Amino acid sequence: MTGHIVILNGVPRSGKSSIARAMQQDLPGRWINLGVDAQYASLPDALKPGIGLRPGGERPELEPDVVRLYLALYDAIAAHARQGFDVVADLGHHDAYSAPLGILPQCARRLAGLDALFVGVHCPIETIMARRNADPQGGFYAAGEGVPEPVRRWQEAVHRPGIYDLTVDTGTMTPADCVSAIAAALARPKRAFATLAAMTPPPSAPAAGRA
């Protein structure tokens, strides 16, 4: 029997990690977290920030590696699920690179035949900035007065095309509320990844077999 897969997609500081921890504590199953923070911790400096590369096309030389890292991650997620483990991954998918890369449809195809739930994690920009300013982690997170341009780009890019099985809003929902919604959604039919897998990648995107 294969395990469940839950992909949490949202901007940095939207509360994805808190939801993932709550899932591990409160949701039945053996949930392994294979998200962006776990991958970042495994990377050499030459590959950082890896799949956490922010919107804006600032590192075009790293983008081919970002594609391969995403596909390798989804292959690992699928492999764990096929071995019967439940997997949660907190990510920040976007396609605002120096040119569109079509990563999300390629990743979706990696999950074909598996029980995969795609969750959009929304959070008001005011809450995002309050969290960034309260703990900028030594400058790792853009913070300050107003909304810095990198934060605005994240907010605009991460929920495109916005095809989800479930959306949650951490501005009004606690992690426990989100886990309850996810538990209910796991029992329903899921269509988001099948829809995304059928999307045609942009002409500039590398083919999955070459990535």
C-alpha atoms as a PDB file:
ATOM      1  CA  MET A   1       0.000   0.000   0.000  1.00  0.00           C
ATOM      2  CA  THR A   2       1.401   3.380  -0.965  1.00  0.00           C
ATOM      3  CA  GLY A   3       1.584   6.313   1.405  1.00  0.00           C
ATOM      4  CA  HIS A   4      -0.130   9.678   1.184  1.00  0.00           C
ATOM      5  CA  ILE A   5       1.628  12.749  -0.243  1.00  0.00           C
ATOM      6  CA  VAL A   6       0.826  16.328   0.791  1.00  0.00           C
ATOM      7  CA  ILE A   7       2.576  19.203  -0.978  1.00  0.00           C
ATOM      8  CA  LEU A   8       2.216  22.541   0.835  1.00  0.00           C
ATOM      9  CA  ASN A   9       2.833  25.452  -1.536  1.00  0.00           C
ATOM     10  CA  GLY A  10       3.244  29.018  -0.335  1.00  0.00           C
ATOM     11  CA  VAL A  11       5.594  31.930   0.198  1.00  0.00           C
ATOM     12  CA  PRO A  12       8.344  31.924   2.831  1.00  0.00           C
ATOM     13  CA  ARG A  13       6.999  32.646   6.340  1.00  0.00           C
ATOM     14  CA  SER A  14       3.445  31.719   5.377  1.00  0.00           C
ATOM     15  CA  GLY A  15       3.317  28.993   8.028  1.00  0.00           C
ATOM     16  CA  LYS A  16       4.023  25.920   5.893  1.00  0.00           C
ATOM     17  CA  SER A  17       6.641  24.510   8.247  1.00  0.00           C
ATOM     18  CA  SER A  18       4.288  24.868  11.222  1.00  0.00           C
ATOM     19  CA  ILE A  19       1.608  22.955   9.327  1.00  0.00           C
ATOM     20  CA  ALA A  20       4.091  20.221   8.414  1.00  0.00           C
ATOM     21  CA  ARG A  21       5.163  19.844  12.059  1.00  0.00           C
ATOM     22  CA  ALA A  22       1.535  19.715  13.185  1.00  0.00           C
ATOM     23  CA  MET A  23       0.834  17.017  10.599  1.00  0.00           C
ATOM     24  CA  GLN A  24       3.689  14.925  11.959  1.00  0.00           C
ATOM     25  CA  GLN A  25       2.363  15.333  15.497  1.00  0.00           C
ATOM     26  CA  ASP A  26      -1.383  15.047  14.997  1.00  0.00           C
ATOM     27  CA  LEU A  27      -2.254  13.395  11.679  1.00  0.00           C
ATOM     28  CA  PRO A  28      -2.437   9.589  11.641  1.00  0.00           C
ATOM     29  CA  GLY A  29       0.416   8.020   9.710  1.00  0.00           C
ATOM     30  CA  ARG A  30       4.206   8.232   9.617  1.00  0.00           C
ATOM     31  CA  TRP A  31       4.859  11.577   7.968  1.00  0.00           C
ATOM     32  CA  ILE A  32       8.319  12.317   6.598  1.00  0.00           C
ATOM     33  CA  ASN A  33       9.074  15.982   5.831  1.00  0.00           C
ATOM     34  CA  LEU A  34      11.029  16.337   2.570  1.00  0.00           C
ATOM     35  CA  GLY A  35      10.505  20.064   2.088  1.00  0.00           C
ATOM     36  CA  VAL A  36      12.641  23.015   1.062  1.00  0.00           C
ATOM     37  CA  ASP A  37      14.374  23.432   4.430  1.00  0.00           C
ATOM     38  CA  ALA A  38      15.413  19.775   4.522  1.00  0.00           C
ATOM     39  CA  GLN A  39      16.866  20.024   1.039  1.00  0.00           C
ATOM     40  CA  TYR A  40      18.605  23.328   1.755  1.00  0.00           C
ATOM     41  CA  ALA A  41      20.377  21.768   4.747  1.00  0.00           C
ATOM     42  CA  SER A  42      21.788  19.069   2.460  1.00  0.00           C
ATOM     43  CA  LEU A  43      23.199  21.367  -0.233  1.00  0.00           C
ATOM     44  CA  PRO A  44      26.763  22.533  -0.767  1.00  0.00           C
ATOM     45  CA  ASP A  45      27.219  26.278  -1.015  1.00  0.00           C
ATOM     46  CA  ALA A  46      27.559  26.075  -4.814  1.00  0.00           C
ATOM     47  CA  LEU A  47      23.946  24.906  -5.135  1.00  0.00           C
ATOM     48  CA  LYS A  48      22.329  27.203  -2.562  1.00  0.00           C
ATOM     49  CA  PRO A  49      19.596  28.374  -2.316  1.00  0.00           C
ATOM     50  CA  GLY A  50      18.540  25.421  -4.475  1.00  0.00           C
ATOM     51  CA  ILE A  51      14.793  25.118  -4.958  1.00  0.00           C
ATOM     52  CA  GLY A  52      14.405  28.118  -2.643  1.00  0.00           C
ATOM     53  CA  LEU A  53      15.653  30.421  -5.426  1.00  0.00           C
ATOM     54  CA  ARG A  54      13.332  33.396  -5.204  1.00  0.00           C
ATOM     55  CA  PRO A  55      11.354  34.919  -8.095  1.00  0.00           C
ATOM     56  CA  GLY A  56      13.044  37.528 -10.235  1.00  0.00           C
ATOM     57  CA  GLY A  57      15.586  35.727 -12.418  1.00  0.00           C
ATOM     58  CA  GLU A  58      18.533  36.811 -10.256  1.00  0.00           C
ATOM     59  CA  ARG A  59      20.577  33.605 -10.703  1.00  0.00           C
ATOM     60  CA  PRO A  60      20.086  32.322 -14.277  1.00  0.00           C
ATOM     61  CA  GLU A  61      23.257  30.241 -14.037  1.00  0.00           C
ATOM     62  CA  LEU A  62      21.667  28.244 -11.193  1.00  0.00           C
ATOM     63  CA  GLU A  63      18.312  27.660 -12.866  1.00  0.00           C
ATOM     64  CA  PRO A  64      19.224  24.393 -14.683  1.00  0.00           C
ATOM     65  CA  ASP A  65      20.243  22.961 -11.304  1.00  0.00           C
ATOM     66  CA  VAL A  66      16.993  24.194  -9.742  1.00  0.00           C
ATOM     67  CA  VAL A  67      15.041  22.185 -12.325  1.00  0.00           C
ATOM     68  CA  ARG A  68      17.072  19.054 -11.625  1.00  0.00           C
ATOM     69  CA  LEU A  69      16.835  19.514  -7.857  1.00  0.00           C
ATOM     70  CA  TYR A  70      13.047  19.817  -8.044  1.00  0.00           C
ATOM     71  CA  LEU A  71      12.723  16.721 -10.207  1.00  0.00           C
ATOM     72  CA  ALA A  72      15.081  14.746  -7.965  1.00  0.00           C
ATOM     73  CA  LEU A  73      13.071  15.844  -4.928  1.00  0.00           C
ATOM     74  CA  TYR A  74       9.782  14.730  -6.461  1.00  0.00           C
ATOM     75  CA  ASP A  75      11.347  11.414  -7.490  1.00  0.00           C
ATOM     76  CA  ALA A  76      12.350  10.967  -3.831  1.00  0.00           C
ATOM     77  CA  ILE A  77       8.873  11.932  -2.616  1.00  0.00           C
ATOM     78  CA  ALA A  78       7.332   9.381  -4.981  1.00  0.00           C
ATOM     79  CA  ALA A  79       9.836   6.704  -3.952  1.00  0.00           C
ATOM     80  CA  HIS A  80       9.061   7.169  -0.247  1.00  0.00           C
ATOM     81  CA  ALA A  81       5.313   6.993  -0.908  1.00  0.00           C
ATOM     82  CA  ARG A  82       5.728   3.808  -2.962  1.00  0.00           C
ATOM     83  CA  GLN A  83       7.506   2.261   0.023  1.00  0.00           C
ATOM     84  CA  GLY A  84       4.463   3.013   2.175  1.00  0.00           C
ATOM     85  CA  PHE A  85       5.637   6.196   3.903  1.00  0.00           C
ATOM     86  CA  ASP A  86       3.486   9.313   4.177  1.00  0.00           C
ATOM     87  CA  VAL A  87       5.278  12.398   2.875  1.00  0.00           C
ATOM     88  CA  VAL A  88       4.728  16.114   3.467  1.00  0.00           C
ATOM     89  CA  ALA A  89       6.804  18.689   1.601  1.00  0.00           C
ATOM     90  CA  ASP A  90       6.607  22.431   2.239  1.00  0.00           C
ATOM     91  CA  LEU A  91       7.655  24.210  -0.963  1.00  0.00           C
ATOM     92  CA  GLY A  92       7.458  27.519  -2.787  1.00  0.00           C
ATOM     93  CA  HIS A  93       6.746  26.710  -6.434  1.00  0.00           C
ATOM     94  CA  HIS A  94       6.882  29.590  -8.889  1.00  0.00           C
ATOM     95  CA  ASP A  95       7.838  30.119 -12.522  1.00  0.00           C
ATOM     96  CA  ALA A  96       9.239  33.660 -12.297  1.00  0.00           C
ATOM     97  CA  TYR A  97      12.781  32.774 -13.328  1.00  0.00           C
ATOM     98  CA  SER A  98      14.842  34.503 -16.022  1.00  0.00           C
ATOM     99  CA  ALA A  99      12.565  32.565 -18.408  1.00  0.00           C
ATOM    100  CA  PRO A 100       9.659  30.228 -17.622  1.00  0.00           C
ATOM    101  CA  LEU A 101      10.904  26.747 -16.742  1.00  0.00           C
ATOM    102  CA  GLY A 102       7.647  24.815 -16.397  1.00  0.00           C
ATOM    103  CA  ILE A 103       8.877  22.998 -13.290  1.00  0.00           C
ATOM    104  CA  LEU A 104       5.520  22.335 -11.629  1.00  0.00           C
ATOM    105  CA  PRO A 105       3.952  20.308 -14.498  1.00  0.00           C
ATOM    106  CA  GLN A 106       7.133  18.232 -14.740  1.00  0.00           C
ATOM    107  CA  CYS A 107       7.019  17.580 -10.997  1.00  0.00           C
ATOM    108  CA  ALA A 108       3.327  16.689 -11.149  1.00  0.00           C
ATOM    109  CA  ARG A 109       4.058  13.976 -13.690  1.00  0.00           C
ATOM    110  CA  ARG A 110       6.466  12.398 -11.183  1.00  0.00           C
ATOM    111  CA  LEU A 111       3.481  11.728  -8.887  1.00  0.00           C
ATOM    112  CA  ALA A 112       1.307   9.892 -11.437  1.00  0.00           C
ATOM    113  CA  GLY A 113      -0.671   7.086  -9.847  1.00  0.00           C
ATOM    114  CA  LEU A 114       0.010   8.218  -6.285  1.00  0.00           C
ATOM    115  CA  ASP A 115      -2.337   9.686  -3.674  1.00  0.00           C
ATOM    116  CA  ALA A 116      -1.077  13.273  -3.781  1.00  0.00           C
ATOM    117  CA  LEU A 117      -2.820  16.327  -2.333  1.00  0.00           C
ATOM    118  CA  PHE A 118      -1.777  19.830  -3.444  1.00  0.00           C
ATOM    119  CA  VAL A 119      -2.439  22.500  -0.815  1.00  0.00           C
ATOM    120  CA  GLY A 120      -2.157  26.244  -1.410  1.00  0.00           C
ATOM    121  CA  VAL A 121      -1.029  27.960   1.796  1.00  0.00           C
ATOM    122  CA  HIS A 122      -2.154  31.591   1.706  1.00  0.00           C
ATOM    123  CA  CYS A 123      -1.212  34.288   4.185  1.00  0.00           C
ATOM    124  CA  PRO A 124      -1.854  38.065   4.204  1.00  0.00           C
ATOM    125  CA  ILE A 125       1.185  40.153   3.306  1.00  0.00           C
ATOM    126  CA  GLU A 126       0.832  42.076   6.594  1.00  0.00           C
ATOM    127  CA  THR A 127       1.270  38.828   8.532  1.00  0.00           C
ATOM    128  CA  ILE A 128       4.194  37.787   6.331  1.00  0.00           C
ATOM    129  CA  MET A 129       5.988  41.078   7.020  1.00  0.00           C
ATOM    130  CA  ALA A 130       5.286  40.895  10.748  1.00  0.00           C
ATOM    131  CA  ARG A 131       6.907  37.442  10.869  1.00  0.00           C
ATOM    132  CA  ARG A 132       9.871  38.557   8.749  1.00  0.00           C
ATOM    133  CA  ASN A 133      10.502  41.629  10.896  1.00  0.00           C
ATOM    134  CA  ALA A 134      10.143  39.688  14.131  1.00  0.00           C
ATOM    135  CA  ASP A 135      12.782  37.154  13.061  1.00  0.00           C
ATOM    136  CA  PRO A 136      14.782  38.045   9.926  1.00  0.00           C
ATOM    137  CA  GLN A 137      17.298  35.304  10.815  1.00  0.00           C
ATOM    138  CA  GLY A 138      20.354  37.464  10.400  1.00  0.00           C
ATOM    139  CA  GLY A 139      19.243  38.873   7.071  1.00  0.00           C
ATOM    140  CA  PHE A 140      18.302  35.528   5.515  1.00  0.00           C
ATOM    141  CA  TYR A 141      14.760  36.893   5.101  1.00  0.00           C
ATOM    142  CA  ALA A 142      14.142  40.280   3.490  1.00  0.00           C
ATOM    143  CA  ALA A 143      12.570  42.559   6.104  1.00  0.00           C
ATOM    144  CA  GLY A 144      12.150  46.241   6.906  1.00  0.00           C
ATOM    145  CA  GLU A 145       9.625  49.005   6.375  1.00  0.00           C
ATOM    146  CA  GLY A 146       6.900  48.493   3.804  1.00  0.00           C
ATOM    147  CA  VAL A 147       7.056  45.445   1.510  1.00  0.00           C
ATOM    148  CA  PRO A 148      10.509  44.784   0.004  1.00  0.00           C
ATOM    149  CA  GLU A 149      10.529  43.949  -3.695  1.00  0.00           C
ATOM    150  CA  PRO A 150      11.610  40.295  -3.190  1.00  0.00           C
ATOM    151  CA  VAL A 151       8.672  39.752  -0.838  1.00  0.00           C
ATOM    152  CA  ARG A 152       6.252  41.316  -3.303  1.00  0.00           C
ATOM    153  CA  ARG A 153       7.555  39.069  -6.093  1.00  0.00           C
ATOM    154  CA  TRP A 154       7.029  35.980  -3.957  1.00  0.00           C
ATOM    155  CA  GLN A 155       3.485  37.047  -3.125  1.00  0.00           C
ATOM    156  CA  GLU A 156       2.646  37.588  -6.801  1.00  0.00           C
ATOM    157  CA  ALA A 157       4.300  34.474  -8.229  1.00  0.00           C
ATOM    158  CA  VAL A 158       3.854  31.561  -5.869  1.00  0.00           C
ATOM    159  CA  HIS A 159       0.149  30.841  -6.424  1.00  0.00           C
ATOM    160  CA  ARG A 160       0.202  30.821 -10.218  1.00  0.00           C
ATOM    161  CA  PRO A 161      -1.632  29.043 -11.808  1.00  0.00           C
ATOM    162  CA  GLY A 162      -3.469  28.453  -8.521  1.00  0.00           C
ATOM    163  CA  ILE A 163      -4.662  24.902  -9.224  1.00  0.00           C
ATOM    164  CA  TYR A 164      -5.081  23.196  -5.849  1.00  0.00           C
ATOM    165  CA  ASP A 165      -7.077  20.458  -4.164  1.00  0.00           C
ATOM    166  CA  LEU A 166      -7.319  22.584  -1.014  1.00  0.00           C
ATOM    167  CA  THR A 167      -6.426  26.105   0.082  1.00  0.00           C
ATOM    168  CA  VAL A 168      -5.834  27.260   3.657  1.00  0.00           C
ATOM    169  CA  ASP A 169      -5.261  30.749   5.070  1.00  0.00           C
ATOM    170  CA  THR A 170      -2.828  30.927   7.962  1.00  0.00           C
ATOM    171  CA  GLY A 171      -3.937  34.475   8.662  1.00  0.00           C
ATOM    172  CA  THR A 172      -7.165  33.073  10.084  1.00  0.00           C
ATOM    173  CA  MET A 173      -6.402  29.356  10.624  1.00  0.00           C
ATOM    174  CA  THR A 174      -4.095  27.762  13.191  1.00  0.00           C
ATOM    175  CA  PRO A 175      -1.811  24.874  12.189  1.00  0.00           C
ATOM    176  CA  ALA A 176      -4.291  22.547  13.896  1.00  0.00           C
ATOM    177  CA  ASP A 177      -7.125  24.007  11.789  1.00  0.00           C
ATOM    178  CA  CYS A 178      -5.070  23.419   8.656  1.00  0.00           C
ATOM    179  CA  VAL A 179      -4.340  19.824   9.659  1.00  0.00           C
ATOM    180  CA  SER A 180      -8.055  19.175  10.154  1.00  0.00           C
ATOM    181  CA  ALA A 181      -8.779  20.557   6.679  1.00  0.00           C
ATOM    182  CA  ILE A 182      -5.985  18.443   5.190  1.00  0.00           C
ATOM    183  CA  ALA A 183      -7.265  15.308   6.924  1.00  0.00           C
ATOM    184  CA  ALA A 184     -10.703  15.852   5.397  1.00  0.00           C
ATOM    185  CA  ALA A 185      -9.230  16.580   1.954  1.00  0.00           C
ATOM    186  CA  LEU A 186      -7.144  13.396   2.016  1.00  0.00           C
ATOM    187  CA  ALA A 187     -10.386  11.419   2.079  1.00  0.00           C
ATOM    188  CA  ARG A 188     -11.723  13.125  -1.065  1.00  0.00           C
ATOM    189  CA  PRO A 189     -10.799  12.670  -4.744  1.00  0.00           C
ATOM    190  CA  LYS A 190      -7.774  14.710  -5.803  1.00  0.00           C
ATOM    191  CA  ARG A 191      -7.356  16.278  -9.236  1.00  0.00           C
ATOM    192  CA  ALA A 192      -4.823  19.114  -8.997  1.00  0.00           C
ATOM    193  CA  PHE A 193      -1.674  17.201  -9.904  1.00  0.00           C
ATOM    194  CA  ALA A 194      -3.366  15.371 -12.771  1.00  0.00           C
ATOM    195  CA  THR A 195      -4.503  18.728 -14.154  1.00  0.00           C
ATOM    196  CA  LEU A 196      -1.037  20.230 -13.746  1.00  0.00           C
ATOM    197  CA  ALA A 197       0.645  17.192 -15.304  1.00  0.00           C
ATOM    198  CA  ALA A 198      -1.395  17.699 -18.465  1.00  0.00           C
ATOM    199  CA  MET A 199      -0.219  21.280 -18.914  1.00  0.00           C
ATOM    200  CA  THR A 200       2.166  21.961 -21.798  1.00  0.00           C
ATOM    201  CA  PRO A 201       5.542  23.308 -20.607  1.00  0.00           C
ATOM    202  CA  PRO A 202       6.626  26.691 -22.038  1.00  0.00           C
ATOM    203  CA  PRO A 203       8.922  26.500 -25.103  1.00  0.00           C
ATOM    204  CA  SER A 204      11.954  27.556 -23.047  1.00  0.00           C
ATOM    205  CA  ALA A 205      11.478  24.817 -20.442  1.00  0.00           C
ATOM    206  CA  PRO A 206      13.935  21.914 -20.503  1.00  0.00           C
ATOM    207  CA  ALA A 207      12.392  18.550 -21.301  1.00  0.00           C
ATOM    208  CA  ALA A 208      11.960  16.320 -18.266  1.00  0.00           C
ATOM    209  CA  GLY A 209      14.185  13.645 -19.715  1.00  0.00           C
ATOM    210  CA  ARG A 210      17.089  16.091 -20.065  1.00  0.00           C
ATOM    211  CA  ALA A 211      16.603  17.923 -16.769  1.00  0.00           C
END
